[in-house]
Amino acid sequence: MRFIYTIRSRGVTDARVLSAMEKIDRAAFVTGIFADRAYEDMPLPIACGQTISQPSVVALMTEALQVGPRDKVLEVGTGSGYQAAILSQLARRVYTVERHRPLARDAQKLFDTLGLTNVTAMVADGSYGLPDIAPFDRIIVTAAAEDPPGPLLAQLRKGGIMVVPVGQSDTVQTLIRVVRHDTGYDYEELRAVRFVPLIEGTSH
């Protein structure tokens, strides 16, 4: 696939991540007038004023998450479902939450069509995570917050990793990797990114 070369050139080397990117066809997640640009390494508009992230950023975030085959993963911000589908190839179980009901519904239909039985899309306020299903081994946030949300940090298992873009919504943000330890959290800045803002509440 054409953009696999681009992803490699951006520094993604994890063979499992590259394999997952090859298996999941991004074209399935891009519809309408942008369908013919599905294989370009660029973000594209989707419904509800949201975007599907560019493949190289999806790959970099996935690699940073270091997902293991037994991990239970929470994704905040389902969008098109593309990132969750990639994670489904790497994790035991993926829960993805979305505030826009149409996006969650369409993503779940697509997961079912593609036979991705270990992914569940839910409508919820992602900034509060899923306390009933926590703790999670890995948490990935695909919308930018000013700080890593406290409820999400609390739902991270000890030894767990969270990858989240942090910064003001109208400026370039920084992708942060958070590792939870017995005594607290370690924060590591990875790279500059730009994401839609993390908004509280749900939308209908």
N, C-alpha and C. Protein backbone atom coordinates (compact mmCIF):
# COMPACT_ATOMS: atom_id res chain seq x y z
N MET A 1 0.85 -1.19 0.00
CA MET A 1 0.00 0.00 0.00
C MET A 1 0.88 1.24 0.00
N ARG A 2 0.47 2.22 -0.79
CA ARG A 2 1.35 3.34 -1.06
C ARG A 2 1.81 4.08 0.19
N PHE A 3 0.86 4.35 1.09
CA PHE A 3 1.29 5.18 2.22
C PHE A 3 2.09 4.44 3.27
N ILE A 4 2.22 3.11 3.15
CA ILE A 4 3.08 2.38 4.08
C ILE A 4 4.52 2.89 3.96
N TYR A 5 4.93 3.19 2.73
CA TYR A 5 6.28 3.74 2.52
C TYR A 5 6.42 5.11 3.19
N THR A 6 5.35 5.91 3.07
CA THR A 6 5.36 7.22 3.72
C THR A 6 5.45 7.07 5.23
N ILE A 7 4.69 6.12 5.77
CA ILE A 7 4.69 5.89 7.21
C ILE A 7 6.08 5.48 7.69
N ARG A 8 6.71 4.59 6.94
CA ARG A 8 8.09 4.18 7.28
C ARG A 8 9.03 5.39 7.25
N SER A 9 8.84 6.24 6.25
CA SER A 9 9.73 7.40 6.11
C SER A 9 9.53 8.40 7.24
N ARG A 10 8.37 8.33 7.91
CA ARG A 10 8.12 9.22 9.07
C ARG A 10 8.73 8.65 10.35
N GLY A 11 9.33 7.47 10.24
CA GLY A 11 10.04 6.91 11.39
C GLY A 11 9.33 5.80 12.13
N VAL A 12 8.20 5.32 11.59
CA VAL A 12 7.50 4.21 12.23
C VAL A 12 8.17 2.90 11.81
N THR A 13 8.65 2.14 12.80
CA THR A 13 9.42 0.93 12.50
C THR A 13 8.78 -0.34 13.06
N ASP A 14 7.79 -0.19 13.94
CA ASP A 14 7.18 -1.36 14.59
C ASP A 14 6.46 -2.23 13.54
N ALA A 15 6.94 -3.46 13.38
CA ALA A 15 6.40 -4.35 12.35
C ALA A 15 4.93 -4.65 12.57
N ARG A 16 4.49 -4.79 13.83
CA ARG A 16 3.08 -5.08 14.11
C ARG A 16 2.19 -3.90 13.70
N VAL A 17 2.67 -2.69 13.94
CA VAL A 17 1.89 -1.50 13.57
C VAL A 17 1.80 -1.40 12.04
N LEU A 18 2.91 -1.59 11.36
CA LEU A 18 2.92 -1.51 9.90
C LEU A 18 2.01 -2.58 9.30
N SER A 19 2.02 -3.77 9.89
CA SER A 19 1.16 -4.86 9.42
C SER A 19 -0.32 -4.50 9.60
N ALA A 20 -0.66 -3.92 10.75
CA ALA A 20 -2.04 -3.50 11.02
C ALA A 20 -2.48 -2.43 10.03
N MET A 21 -1.57 -1.50 9.72
CA MET A 21 -1.90 -0.43 8.76
C MET A 21 -2.14 -1.01 7.37
N GLU A 22 -1.43 -2.08 7.05
CA GLU A 22 -1.61 -2.73 5.75
C GLU A 22 -2.93 -3.48 5.68
N LYS A 23 -3.32 -4.09 6.80
CA LYS A 23 -4.53 -4.93 6.81
C LYS A 23 -5.81 -4.11 6.74
N ILE A 24 -5.81 -2.94 7.37
CA ILE A 24 -7.04 -2.13 7.43
C ILE A 24 -7.04 -1.12 6.29
N ASP A 25 -8.01 -1.24 5.40
CA ASP A 25 -8.09 -0.38 4.22
C ASP A 25 -8.71 0.97 4.60
N ARG A 26 -7.91 2.03 4.53
CA ARG A 26 -8.42 3.35 4.91
C ARG A 26 -9.59 3.79 4.04
N ALA A 27 -9.64 3.28 2.81
CA ALA A 27 -10.72 3.68 1.89
C ALA A 27 -12.10 3.31 2.44
N ALA A 28 -12.16 2.28 3.28
CA ALA A 28 -13.45 1.88 3.86
C ALA A 28 -13.99 2.95 4.81
N PHE A 29 -13.09 3.83 5.29
CA PHE A 29 -13.46 4.82 6.30
C PHE A 29 -13.60 6.23 5.73
N VAL A 30 -13.35 6.37 4.43
CA VAL A 30 -13.46 7.68 3.77
C VAL A 30 -14.52 7.56 2.69
N THR A 31 -15.59 8.34 2.83
CA THR A 31 -16.69 8.25 1.85
C THR A 31 -16.88 9.59 1.17
N GLY A 32 -17.73 9.60 0.16
CA GLY A 32 -18.12 10.85 -0.49
C GLY A 32 -17.02 11.42 -1.36
N ILE A 33 -16.94 12.75 -1.41
CA ILE A 33 -16.08 13.43 -2.38
C ILE A 33 -14.59 13.23 -2.11
N PHE A 34 -14.25 12.79 -0.88
CA PHE A 34 -12.83 12.61 -0.57
C PHE A 34 -12.36 11.16 -0.73
N ALA A 35 -13.25 10.28 -1.19
CA ALA A 35 -12.93 8.86 -1.26
C ALA A 35 -11.68 8.58 -2.10
N ASP A 36 -11.49 9.37 -3.17
CA ASP A 36 -10.34 9.10 -4.05
C ASP A 36 -9.02 9.58 -3.44
N ARG A 37 -9.08 10.21 -2.25
CA ARG A 37 -7.86 10.67 -1.59
C ARG A 37 -7.53 9.83 -0.36
N ALA A 38 -8.20 8.69 -0.24
CA ALA A 38 -8.06 7.85 0.96
C ALA A 38 -6.63 7.41 1.22
N TYR A 39 -5.83 7.27 0.15
CA TYR A 39 -4.48 6.74 0.33
C TYR A 39 -3.41 7.84 0.41
N GLU A 40 -3.86 9.08 0.49
CA GLU A 40 -2.90 10.17 0.68
C GLU A 40 -2.64 10.36 2.17
N ASP A 41 -1.41 10.75 2.49
CA ASP A 41 -1.05 10.94 3.89
C ASP A 41 -1.48 12.33 4.35
N MET A 42 -2.79 12.47 4.51
CA MET A 42 -3.33 13.76 4.94
C MET A 42 -4.63 13.52 5.69
N PRO A 43 -4.96 14.44 6.64
CA PRO A 43 -6.26 14.33 7.30
C PRO A 43 -7.36 14.70 6.30
N LEU A 44 -8.54 14.10 6.46
CA LEU A 44 -9.66 14.39 5.55
C LEU A 44 -10.92 14.64 6.36
N PRO A 45 -11.81 15.51 5.88
CA PRO A 45 -13.06 15.78 6.60
C PRO A 45 -13.98 14.55 6.59
N ILE A 46 -14.67 14.34 7.71
CA ILE A 46 -15.74 13.34 7.77
C ILE A 46 -16.99 14.05 8.32
N ALA A 47 -18.03 13.31 8.61
CA ALA A 47 -19.29 13.90 9.09
C ALA A 47 -19.10 14.59 10.44
N CYS A 48 -20.09 15.38 10.81
CA CYS A 48 -20.18 16.04 12.13
C CYS A 48 -19.01 17.00 12.38
N GLY A 49 -18.42 17.53 11.30
CA GLY A 49 -17.34 18.51 11.45
C GLY A 49 -16.05 17.93 11.99
N GLN A 50 -15.89 16.61 11.90
CA GLN A 50 -14.69 15.96 12.42
C GLN A 50 -13.76 15.59 11.26
N THR A 51 -12.62 14.99 11.60
CA THR A 51 -11.68 14.59 10.57
C THR A 51 -11.20 13.16 10.82
N ILE A 52 -10.72 12.52 9.75
CA ILE A 52 -9.99 11.27 9.88
C ILE A 52 -8.52 11.66 9.84
N SER A 53 -7.75 11.23 10.83
CA SER A 53 -6.35 11.64 10.93
C SER A 53 -5.53 11.10 9.77
N GLN A 54 -4.41 11.78 9.51
CA GLN A 54 -3.54 11.28 8.45
C GLN A 54 -2.88 9.98 8.90
N PRO A 55 -2.70 9.04 7.96
CA PRO A 55 -2.19 7.72 8.32
C PRO A 55 -0.88 7.74 9.11
N SER A 56 0.03 8.65 8.76
CA SER A 56 1.32 8.65 9.47
C SER A 56 1.15 9.02 10.94
N VAL A 57 0.18 9.90 11.25
CA VAL A 57 -0.08 10.27 12.65
C VAL A 57 -0.74 9.12 13.39
N VAL A 58 -1.69 8.44 12.72
CA VAL A 58 -2.32 7.25 13.31
C VAL A 58 -1.23 6.23 13.65
N ALA A 59 -0.31 6.00 12.71
CA ALA A 59 0.76 5.02 12.91
C ALA A 59 1.69 5.43 14.05
N LEU A 60 2.06 6.70 14.10
CA LEU A 60 2.96 7.19 15.15
C LEU A 60 2.31 7.08 16.53
N MET A 61 1.02 7.44 16.60
CA MET A 61 0.32 7.36 17.89
C MET A 61 0.17 5.90 18.32
N THR A 62 -0.11 5.03 17.35
CA THR A 62 -0.28 3.61 17.65
C THR A 62 1.03 3.01 18.13
N GLU A 63 2.12 3.38 17.47
CA GLU A 63 3.43 2.87 17.87
C GLU A 63 3.78 3.35 19.28
N ALA A 64 3.49 4.63 19.56
CA ALA A 64 3.79 5.20 20.88
C ALA A 64 3.00 4.51 21.99
N LEU A 65 1.83 3.97 21.64
CA LEU A 65 0.97 3.32 22.62
C LEU A 65 1.50 1.95 23.06
N GLN A 66 2.33 1.34 22.21
CA GLN A 66 2.97 0.05 22.54
C GLN A 66 1.92 -1.00 22.98
N VAL A 67 0.94 -1.22 22.11
CA VAL A 67 -0.17 -2.12 22.43
C VAL A 67 0.28 -3.58 22.37
N GLY A 68 -0.06 -4.33 23.40
CA GLY A 68 0.24 -5.75 23.43
C GLY A 68 -1.00 -6.57 23.11
N PRO A 69 -0.82 -7.83 22.70
CA PRO A 69 -1.95 -8.66 22.26
C PRO A 69 -2.96 -8.98 23.36
N ARG A 70 -2.61 -8.76 24.62
CA ARG A 70 -3.56 -9.03 25.71
C ARG A 70 -4.17 -7.75 26.28
N ASP A 71 -3.86 -6.61 25.67
CA ASP A 71 -4.27 -5.33 26.23
C ASP A 71 -5.74 -5.00 25.97
N LYS A 72 -6.34 -4.32 26.95
CA LYS A 72 -7.68 -3.73 26.80
C LYS A 72 -7.45 -2.23 26.59
N VAL A 73 -7.96 -1.73 25.48
CA VAL A 73 -7.67 -0.36 25.07
C VAL A 73 -8.93 0.50 25.05
N LEU A 74 -8.80 1.74 25.51
CA LEU A 74 -9.86 2.74 25.39
C LEU A 74 -9.41 3.79 24.39
N GLU A 75 -10.25 4.05 23.40
CA GLU A 75 -10.01 5.17 22.50
C GLU A 75 -11.07 6.23 22.75
N VAL A 76 -10.65 7.47 22.89
CA VAL A 76 -11.56 8.60 23.07
C VAL A 76 -11.59 9.37 21.76
N GLY A 77 -12.75 9.36 21.09
CA GLY A 77 -12.90 10.04 19.81
C GLY A 77 -12.88 9.06 18.66
N THR A 78 -14.00 8.36 18.45
CA THR A 78 -14.07 7.32 17.42
C THR A 78 -13.89 7.89 16.03
N GLY A 79 -14.56 9.01 15.76
CA GLY A 79 -14.50 9.59 14.42
C GLY A 79 -15.00 8.58 13.39
N SER A 80 -14.19 8.34 12.37
CA SER A 80 -14.56 7.39 11.31
C SER A 80 -14.45 5.94 11.77
N GLY A 81 -13.68 5.71 12.86
CA GLY A 81 -13.44 4.35 13.32
C GLY A 81 -12.10 3.79 12.85
N TYR A 82 -11.37 4.56 12.06
CA TYR A 82 -10.12 4.07 11.46
C TYR A 82 -9.07 3.71 12.51
N GLN A 83 -8.85 4.62 13.46
CA GLN A 83 -7.84 4.34 14.50
C GLN A 83 -8.23 3.11 15.32
N ALA A 84 -9.50 2.99 15.68
CA ALA A 84 -9.95 1.84 16.47
C ALA A 84 -9.77 0.54 15.69
N ALA A 85 -10.01 0.60 14.37
CA ALA A 85 -9.84 -0.59 13.53
C ALA A 85 -8.37 -1.03 13.51
N ILE A 86 -7.47 -0.07 13.44
CA ILE A 86 -6.02 -0.39 13.50
C ILE A 86 -5.72 -1.05 14.85
N LEU A 87 -6.23 -0.47 15.93
CA LEU A 87 -5.98 -1.01 17.27
C LEU A 87 -6.55 -2.42 17.43
N SER A 88 -7.65 -2.69 16.71
CA SER A 88 -8.28 -4.01 16.82
C SER A 88 -7.34 -5.13 16.36
N GLN A 89 -6.39 -4.79 15.51
CA GLN A 89 -5.43 -5.77 15.00
C GLN A 89 -4.32 -6.06 16.01
N LEU A 90 -4.22 -5.22 17.04
CA LEU A 90 -3.08 -5.28 17.97
C LEU A 90 -3.48 -5.67 19.38
N ALA A 91 -4.71 -5.34 19.78
CA ALA A 91 -5.15 -5.50 21.17
C ALA A 91 -6.13 -6.67 21.30
N ARG A 92 -6.35 -7.06 22.55
CA ARG A 92 -7.37 -8.09 22.81
C ARG A 92 -8.76 -7.49 22.66
N ARG A 93 -8.95 -6.26 23.18
CA ARG A 93 -10.28 -5.64 23.21
C ARG A 93 -10.12 -4.13 23.07
N VAL A 94 -10.96 -3.52 22.25
CA VAL A 94 -10.93 -2.07 22.06
C VAL A 94 -12.32 -1.50 22.33
N TYR A 95 -12.38 -0.53 23.21
CA TYR A 95 -13.61 0.25 23.43
C TYR A 95 -13.35 1.65 22.91
N THR A 96 -14.24 2.14 22.06
CA THR A 96 -14.05 3.47 21.51
C THR A 96 -15.29 4.31 21.80
N VAL A 97 -15.10 5.51 22.32
CA VAL A 97 -16.24 6.37 22.68
C VAL A 97 -16.26 7.62 21.80
N GLU A 98 -17.46 8.03 21.45
CA GLU A 98 -17.67 9.14 20.53
C GLU A 98 -18.86 9.96 21.02
N ARG A 99 -18.74 11.29 20.96
CA ARG A 99 -19.83 12.14 21.43
C ARG A 99 -20.90 12.35 20.36
N HIS A 100 -20.56 12.11 19.10
CA HIS A 100 -21.53 12.27 18.01
C HIS A 100 -22.16 10.91 17.69
N ARG A 101 -23.43 10.78 17.99
CA ARG A 101 -24.12 9.49 17.81
C ARG A 101 -24.02 8.94 16.38
N PRO A 102 -24.21 9.77 15.33
CA PRO A 102 -24.12 9.22 13.96
C PRO A 102 -22.75 8.61 13.66
N LEU A 103 -21.68 9.23 14.17
CA LEU A 103 -20.34 8.69 13.92
C LEU A 103 -20.17 7.34 14.62
N ALA A 104 -20.62 7.26 15.87
CA ALA A 104 -20.49 6.00 16.62
C ALA A 104 -21.29 4.89 15.93
N ARG A 105 -22.50 5.24 15.47
CA ARG A 105 -23.36 4.25 14.82
C ARG A 105 -22.73 3.76 13.51
N ASP A 106 -22.24 4.69 12.70
CA ASP A 106 -21.65 4.31 11.41
C ASP A 106 -20.36 3.51 11.61
N ALA A 107 -19.57 3.89 12.62
CA ALA A 107 -18.33 3.17 12.90
C ALA A 107 -18.63 1.72 13.31
N GLN A 108 -19.64 1.56 14.18
CA GLN A 108 -19.97 0.20 14.63
C GLN A 108 -20.46 -0.66 13.46
N LYS A 109 -21.23 -0.06 12.56
CA LYS A 109 -21.68 -0.80 11.37
C LYS A 109 -20.48 -1.26 10.54
N LEU A 110 -19.50 -0.36 10.41
CA LEU A 110 -18.32 -0.68 9.62
C LEU A 110 -17.49 -1.78 10.30
N PHE A 111 -17.35 -1.71 11.63
CA PHE A 111 -16.63 -2.76 12.34
C PHE A 111 -17.29 -4.12 12.10
N ASP A 112 -18.63 -4.12 12.16
CA ASP A 112 -19.38 -5.36 11.95
C ASP A 112 -19.17 -5.89 10.53
N THR A 113 -19.23 -4.97 9.56
CA THR A 113 -19.04 -5.35 8.15
C THR A 113 -17.65 -5.94 7.92
N LEU A 114 -16.65 -5.35 8.58
CA LEU A 114 -15.26 -5.79 8.39
C LEU A 114 -14.92 -7.00 9.28
N GLY A 115 -15.88 -7.43 10.10
CA GLY A 115 -15.64 -8.58 10.96
C GLY A 115 -14.71 -8.30 12.12
N LEU A 116 -14.67 -7.04 12.57
CA LEU A 116 -13.80 -6.66 13.70
C LEU A 116 -14.60 -6.85 14.99
N THR A 117 -14.61 -8.08 15.49
CA THR A 117 -15.50 -8.44 16.59
C THR A 117 -15.00 -7.98 17.96
N ASN A 118 -13.75 -7.51 18.03
CA ASN A 118 -13.21 -7.11 19.34
C ASN A 118 -13.24 -5.60 19.56
N VAL A 119 -14.03 -4.89 18.75
CA VAL A 119 -14.17 -3.44 18.91
C VAL A 119 -15.62 -3.09 19.21
N THR A 120 -15.82 -2.22 20.19
CA THR A 120 -17.17 -1.74 20.51
C THR A 120 -17.17 -0.21 20.52
N ALA A 121 -18.06 0.38 19.71
CA ALA A 121 -18.22 1.83 19.69
C ALA A 121 -19.39 2.22 20.59
N MET A 122 -19.19 3.25 21.40
CA MET A 122 -20.21 3.69 22.34
C MET A 122 -20.35 5.21 22.28
N VAL A 123 -21.57 5.69 22.53
CA VAL A 123 -21.80 7.13 22.62
C VAL A 123 -21.62 7.54 24.08
N ALA A 124 -20.66 8.40 24.34
CA ALA A 124 -20.40 8.85 25.71
C ALA A 124 -19.53 10.10 25.66
N ASP A 125 -19.46 10.78 26.79
CA ASP A 125 -18.56 11.92 26.95
C ASP A 125 -17.17 11.34 27.23
N GLY A 126 -16.34 11.36 26.19
CA GLY A 126 -15.03 10.71 26.28
C GLY A 126 -14.11 11.26 27.35
N SER A 127 -14.33 12.52 27.75
CA SER A 127 -13.44 13.11 28.76
C SER A 127 -13.60 12.43 30.12
N TYR A 128 -14.69 11.66 30.27
CA TYR A 128 -14.90 10.91 31.52
C TYR A 128 -14.56 9.43 31.37
N GLY A 129 -14.15 9.04 30.14
CA GLY A 129 -13.77 7.65 29.93
C GLY A 129 -14.94 6.70 30.08
N LEU A 130 -14.62 5.48 30.49
CA LEU A 130 -15.65 4.45 30.75
C LEU A 130 -15.36 3.81 32.10
N PRO A 131 -15.75 4.47 33.19
CA PRO A 131 -15.39 3.98 34.52
C PRO A 131 -15.89 2.57 34.81
N ASP A 132 -17.01 2.17 34.21
CA ASP A 132 -17.57 0.83 34.48
C ASP A 132 -16.72 -0.28 33.88
N ILE A 133 -15.92 0.06 32.87
CA ILE A 133 -15.11 -0.95 32.18
C ILE A 133 -13.64 -0.84 32.57
N ALA A 134 -13.26 0.28 33.18
CA ALA A 134 -11.87 0.51 33.59
C ALA A 134 -11.44 -0.54 34.63
N PRO A 135 -10.14 -0.72 34.85
CA PRO A 135 -9.03 0.03 34.25
C PRO A 135 -8.65 -0.49 32.87
N PHE A 136 -7.93 0.37 32.13
CA PHE A 136 -7.47 0.03 30.79
C PHE A 136 -5.94 -0.07 30.78
N ASP A 137 -5.44 -0.98 29.94
CA ASP A 137 -3.99 -1.11 29.78
C ASP A 137 -3.43 0.03 28.95
N ARG A 138 -4.24 0.48 28.00
CA ARG A 138 -3.82 1.56 27.10
C ARG A 138 -5.01 2.49 26.86
N ILE A 139 -4.72 3.79 26.78
CA ILE A 139 -5.75 4.79 26.45
C ILE A 139 -5.18 5.71 25.38
N ILE A 140 -5.94 5.90 24.32
CA ILE A 140 -5.52 6.82 23.26
C ILE A 140 -6.61 7.87 23.08
N VAL A 141 -6.20 9.13 23.01
CA VAL A 141 -7.15 10.24 22.87
C VAL A 141 -6.87 10.90 21.53
N THR A 142 -7.91 11.00 20.68
CA THR A 142 -7.70 11.56 19.35
C THR A 142 -8.30 12.95 19.22
N ALA A 143 -8.38 13.66 20.35
CA ALA A 143 -8.78 15.06 20.37
C ALA A 143 -7.94 15.75 21.43
N ALA A 144 -7.67 17.03 21.24
CA ALA A 144 -6.71 17.71 22.11
C ALA A 144 -7.38 18.30 23.35
N ALA A 145 -6.73 18.07 24.50
CA ALA A 145 -7.17 18.66 25.77
C ALA A 145 -6.07 19.60 26.25
N GLU A 146 -6.44 20.54 27.14
CA GLU A 146 -5.41 21.43 27.68
C GLU A 146 -4.47 20.67 28.61
N ASP A 147 -5.00 19.66 29.27
CA ASP A 147 -4.21 18.76 30.12
C ASP A 147 -4.76 17.36 29.93
N PRO A 148 -3.95 16.32 30.17
CA PRO A 148 -4.51 14.97 30.13
C PRO A 148 -5.68 14.88 31.13
N PRO A 149 -6.88 14.50 30.67
CA PRO A 149 -8.06 14.52 31.56
C PRO A 149 -7.87 13.61 32.78
N GLY A 150 -8.16 14.15 33.96
CA GLY A 150 -8.00 13.42 35.22
C GLY A 150 -8.73 12.09 35.27
N PRO A 151 -10.02 12.05 34.84
CA PRO A 151 -10.74 10.78 34.88
C PRO A 151 -10.06 9.70 34.02
N LEU A 152 -9.45 10.11 32.91
CA LEU A 152 -8.76 9.14 32.06
C LEU A 152 -7.49 8.63 32.72
N LEU A 153 -6.74 9.54 33.33
CA LEU A 153 -5.53 9.12 34.04
C LEU A 153 -5.89 8.10 35.13
N ALA A 154 -7.01 8.36 35.81
CA ALA A 154 -7.43 7.48 36.91
C ALA A 154 -7.84 6.10 36.40
N GLN A 155 -8.25 6.01 35.12
CA GLN A 155 -8.70 4.73 34.56
C GLN A 155 -7.57 3.95 33.89
N LEU A 156 -6.35 4.47 34.00
CA LEU A 156 -5.19 3.80 33.43
C LEU A 156 -4.61 2.83 34.46
N ARG A 157 -4.44 1.59 34.05
CA ARG A 157 -3.88 0.58 34.94
C ARG A 157 -2.42 0.94 35.26
N LYS A 158 -1.95 0.53 36.44
CA LYS A 158 -0.53 0.75 36.76
C LYS A 158 0.32 0.02 35.74
N GLY A 159 1.30 0.72 35.21
CA GLY A 159 2.09 0.18 34.12
C GLY A 159 1.49 0.51 32.76
N GLY A 160 0.30 1.11 32.77
CA GLY A 160 -0.41 1.44 31.53
C GLY A 160 0.14 2.68 30.86
N ILE A 161 -0.22 2.85 29.60
CA ILE A 161 0.26 3.97 28.80
C ILE A 161 -0.93 4.71 28.19
N MET A 162 -0.87 6.04 28.23
CA MET A 162 -1.86 6.87 27.54
C MET A 162 -1.13 7.79 26.56
N VAL A 163 -1.68 7.91 25.35
CA VAL A 163 -1.15 8.84 24.36
C VAL A 163 -2.24 9.87 24.09
N VAL A 164 -1.89 11.15 24.26
CA VAL A 164 -2.91 12.21 24.17
C VAL A 164 -2.28 13.50 23.63
N PRO A 165 -2.96 14.17 22.69
CA PRO A 165 -2.48 15.50 22.27
C PRO A 165 -2.89 16.54 23.31
N VAL A 166 -1.95 17.38 23.69
CA VAL A 166 -2.21 18.36 24.74
C VAL A 166 -1.87 19.75 24.21
N GLY A 167 -2.76 20.72 24.49
CA GLY A 167 -2.49 22.10 24.09
C GLY A 167 -3.78 22.84 23.81
N GLN A 168 -3.65 24.15 23.58
CA GLN A 168 -4.81 24.96 23.24
C GLN A 168 -5.34 24.50 21.88
N SER A 169 -6.66 24.53 21.71
CA SER A 169 -7.26 23.95 20.51
C SER A 169 -6.89 24.69 19.23
N ASP A 170 -6.56 25.99 19.33
CA ASP A 170 -6.31 26.74 18.09
C ASP A 170 -4.83 26.89 17.78
N THR A 171 -3.98 26.18 18.51
CA THR A 171 -2.55 26.23 18.22
C THR A 171 -2.05 24.81 18.01
N VAL A 172 -0.80 24.71 17.63
CA VAL A 172 -0.22 23.38 17.49
C VAL A 172 -0.12 22.75 18.87
N GLN A 173 -0.49 21.49 18.96
CA GLN A 173 -0.43 20.79 20.24
C GLN A 173 0.78 19.85 20.27
N THR A 174 1.01 19.29 21.44
CA THR A 174 2.10 18.34 21.61
C THR A 174 1.52 16.99 21.95
N LEU A 175 2.00 15.96 21.27
CA LEU A 175 1.59 14.60 21.57
C LEU A 175 2.38 14.13 22.79
N ILE A 176 1.64 13.71 23.82
CA ILE A 176 2.25 13.32 25.09
C ILE A 176 2.03 11.83 25.33
N ARG A 177 3.06 11.15 25.81
CA ARG A 177 2.88 9.77 26.28
C ARG A 177 2.98 9.79 27.79
N VAL A 178 1.95 9.25 28.44
CA VAL A 178 1.88 9.19 29.90
C VAL A 178 2.00 7.74 30.33
N VAL A 179 2.91 7.45 31.25
CA VAL A 179 3.04 6.11 31.81
C VAL A 179 2.69 6.17 33.28
N ARG A 180 1.78 5.30 33.72
CA ARG A 180 1.40 5.28 35.14
C ARG A 180 2.30 4.33 35.92
N HIS A 181 2.82 4.84 37.03
CA HIS A 181 3.66 4.03 37.93
C HIS A 181 2.98 3.91 39.29
N ASP A 182 3.56 3.14 40.16
CA ASP A 182 3.02 3.01 41.53
C ASP A 182 2.92 4.36 42.22
N THR A 183 3.88 5.23 41.93
CA THR A 183 3.97 6.49 42.67
C THR A 183 3.42 7.69 41.92
N GLY A 184 2.98 7.50 40.69
CA GLY A 184 2.49 8.65 39.93
C GLY A 184 2.59 8.42 38.43
N TYR A 185 2.80 9.51 37.70
CA TYR A 185 2.79 9.45 36.24
C TYR A 185 4.06 10.07 35.66
N ASP A 186 4.58 9.44 34.63
CA ASP A 186 5.69 10.03 33.86
C ASP A 186 5.12 10.59 32.56
N TYR A 187 5.58 11.78 32.18
CA TYR A 187 5.11 12.42 30.95
C TYR A 187 6.28 12.58 29.99
N GLU A 188 6.05 12.23 28.72
CA GLU A 188 7.08 12.37 27.71
C GLU A 188 6.48 13.07 26.50
N GLU A 189 7.14 14.13 26.04
CA GLU A 189 6.67 14.83 24.84
C GLU A 189 7.21 14.12 23.61
N LEU A 190 6.33 13.83 22.66
CA LEU A 190 6.73 13.06 21.48
C LEU A 190 6.95 13.93 20.24
N ARG A 191 5.95 14.73 19.90
CA ARG A 191 6.05 15.55 18.69
C ARG A 191 4.91 16.54 18.62
N ALA A 192 5.02 17.52 17.72
CA ALA A 192 3.95 18.49 17.51
C ALA A 192 2.87 17.87 16.62
N VAL A 193 1.60 18.12 16.97
CA VAL A 193 0.47 17.60 16.19
C VAL A 193 -0.63 18.65 16.16
N ARG A 194 -1.67 18.38 15.41
CA ARG A 194 -2.84 19.27 15.41
C ARG A 194 -4.10 18.42 15.35
N PHE A 195 -4.94 18.53 16.37
CA PHE A 195 -6.17 17.75 16.45
C PHE A 195 -7.34 18.66 16.75
N VAL A 196 -8.55 18.16 16.48
CA VAL A 196 -9.74 18.87 16.92
C VAL A 196 -9.77 18.87 18.44
N PRO A 197 -10.44 19.86 19.06
CA PRO A 197 -10.46 19.91 20.53
C PRO A 197 -11.34 18.82 21.15
N LEU A 198 -10.95 18.39 22.35
CA LEU A 198 -11.77 17.46 23.12
C LEU A 198 -12.89 18.27 23.78
N ILE A 199 -14.13 17.96 23.43
CA ILE A 199 -15.29 18.73 23.92
C ILE A 199 -16.09 17.87 24.87
N GLU A 200 -16.47 18.42 26.00
CA GLU A 200 -17.26 17.67 26.97
C GLU A 200 -18.70 17.54 26.49
N GLY A 201 -19.37 16.52 27.01
CA GLY A 201 -20.77 16.30 26.68
C GLY A 201 -20.92 15.41 25.46
N THR A 202 -22.18 15.10 25.12
CA THR A 202 -22.45 14.33 23.91
C THR A 202 -23.33 15.18 23.00
N SER A 203 -23.37 14.81 21.73
CA SER A 203 -24.13 15.55 20.74
C SER A 203 -25.09 14.57 20.06
N HIS A 204 -26.21 15.05 19.59
CA HIS A 204 -27.18 14.12 18.98
C HIS A 204 -27.32 14.39 17.51
